Each structure stands twice: as structure tokens, then as C-alpha cells.
Amino acid sequence: MAVTTFSVRMDSEIKHQLDDFCANTGLNTTTAINMFARAVLRERKLPFEVTDADSFYGEINMAHLRRIKADVEAGRNMSVHELIEVEDA
């Protein structure tokens, strides 16, 4: 298998944090990026969900949040829980 160099531009602070994360997990950044590439090819998709900002605050979620707010304000669909204090061992 031939090996090639892959160059990526990224914010220097992001790179530093990625290098630190990889080192803390026993990897190096090259290995982590290769793992990412293999996961993409194996799964035929990105190994995480990508959405635009509007999808989180989309109409469906906003309608759901409005229903929850109305329930809270009306005191509906709420549970009462008893607090239990736990002493440190």
C-alpha cells in the first residue's frame, strides 16, 4: 500500500487541542485522522450527524418546546420527586 501526504488547514488552537486529545487517548493525530477516514469509507457516511443551525430550532422542535412550556405553565405532565440527601463516604 502506497502512503501519501494529506495536508489540511485548520485553526492552530483546534489542532493543538486535537493533538492533546489524541495524546491523552494513546493515539497520534495522524492515526486519528486515518481512523476517521476508514470509518467514513466503512460506513459510507460521516461518523457523526451534520445539521444546519436551523434544524435544531426548526418548526418541529419549536412546536414541541411551545407544548412543553404550556404544560409547565399549566402544571400538566409534571412529576414530583422527593429529594434524597446522600452523605459522602
Protein backbone atom coordinates (compact mmCIF):
# COMPACT_ATOMS: atom_id res chain seq x y z
CA MET A 1 0.00 0.00 0.00
CA ALA A 2 1.43 3.34 -1.03
CA VAL A 3 1.40 6.14 1.55
CA THR A 4 0.69 9.75 0.65
CA THR A 5 0.78 13.07 2.50
CA PHE A 6 -2.50 14.80 3.25
CA SER A 7 -2.40 18.50 4.11
CA VAL A 8 -5.24 20.22 5.95
CA ARG A 9 -5.65 23.84 7.00
CA MET A 10 -7.17 24.29 10.45
CA ASP A 11 -7.20 26.78 13.29
CA SER A 12 -4.00 26.37 15.28
CA GLU A 13 -5.86 26.17 18.61
CA ILE A 14 -8.11 23.39 17.25
CA LYS A 15 -5.03 21.49 16.08
CA HIS A 16 -3.38 21.91 19.47
CA GLN A 17 -6.49 20.63 21.25
CA LEU A 18 -6.78 17.71 18.82
CA ASP A 19 -3.11 16.81 19.34
CA ASP A 20 -3.64 16.91 23.12
CA PHE A 21 -6.79 14.79 22.92
CA CYS A 22 -5.09 12.20 20.73
CA ALA A 23 -2.06 12.05 23.03
CA ASN A 24 -4.36 11.54 26.04
CA THR A 25 -6.02 8.59 24.29
CA GLY A 26 -2.74 6.99 23.26
CA LEU A 27 -3.02 7.99 19.61
CA ASN A 28 -1.32 10.49 17.42
CA THR A 29 -3.25 12.86 15.18
CA THR A 30 -2.32 11.00 12.00
CA THR A 31 -3.76 7.76 13.40
CA ALA A 32 -6.96 9.55 14.49
CA ILE A 33 -7.45 11.09 11.06
CA ASN A 34 -6.84 7.70 9.41
CA MET A 35 -9.42 6.15 11.76
CA PHE A 36 -11.88 8.88 10.74
CA ALA A 37 -11.26 8.22 7.03
CA ARG A 38 -11.67 4.45 7.46
CA ALA A 39 -14.92 4.94 9.41
CA VAL A 40 -16.30 7.18 6.65
CA LEU A 41 -15.44 4.63 3.98
CA ARG A 42 -16.67 1.65 6.00
CA GLU A 43 -20.00 3.24 6.97
CA ARG A 44 -20.37 5.24 3.74
CA LYS A 45 -21.30 8.27 5.84
CA LEU A 46 -19.76 10.71 8.31
CA PRO A 47 -19.41 9.09 11.75
CA PHE A 48 -21.47 11.92 13.28
CA GLU A 49 -24.61 13.81 12.38
CA VAL A 50 -24.22 17.07 10.45
CA THR A 51 -27.11 19.51 10.55
CA ASP A 52 -27.59 23.16 9.88
CA ALA A 53 -28.32 25.54 12.73
CA ASP A 54 -31.98 25.84 11.72
CA SER A 55 -32.61 22.12 12.08
CA PHE A 56 -32.26 22.23 15.88
CA TYR A 57 -34.54 25.23 16.18
CA GLY A 58 -36.75 24.08 13.30
CA GLU A 59 -40.51 24.35 13.42
CA ILE A 60 -40.99 20.81 14.78
CA ASN A 61 -38.67 21.43 17.73
CA MET A 62 -40.11 24.88 18.35
CA ALA A 63 -43.65 23.44 18.38
CA HIS A 64 -42.52 20.78 20.85
CA LEU A 65 -40.86 23.40 23.07
CA ARG A 66 -44.02 25.53 22.99
CA ARG A 67 -46.08 22.49 24.12
CA ILE A 68 -43.66 21.79 26.96
CA LYS A 69 -43.73 25.44 28.05
CA ALA A 70 -47.55 25.43 28.04
CA ASP A 71 -47.59 22.20 30.09
CA VAL A 72 -45.19 23.63 32.66
CA GLU A 73 -47.14 26.87 32.94
CA ALA A 74 -50.40 24.89 33.38
CA GLY A 75 -48.84 22.37 35.75
CA ARG A 76 -49.57 19.45 33.40
CA ASN A 77 -47.43 16.39 32.66
CA MET A 78 -45.11 17.06 35.55
CA SER A 79 -43.75 14.66 38.14
CA VAL A 80 -42.97 15.40 41.76
CA HIS A 81 -39.79 13.86 43.09
CA GLU A 82 -38.58 13.65 46.64
CA LEU A 83 -35.04 14.86 47.21
CA ILE A 84 -32.74 12.41 48.97
CA GLU A 85 -29.58 13.64 50.63
CA VAL A 86 -26.59 11.33 50.36
CA GLU A 87 -23.65 11.71 52.68
CA ASP A 88 -20.12 11.46 51.34
CA ALA A 89 -18.45 8.19 52.18
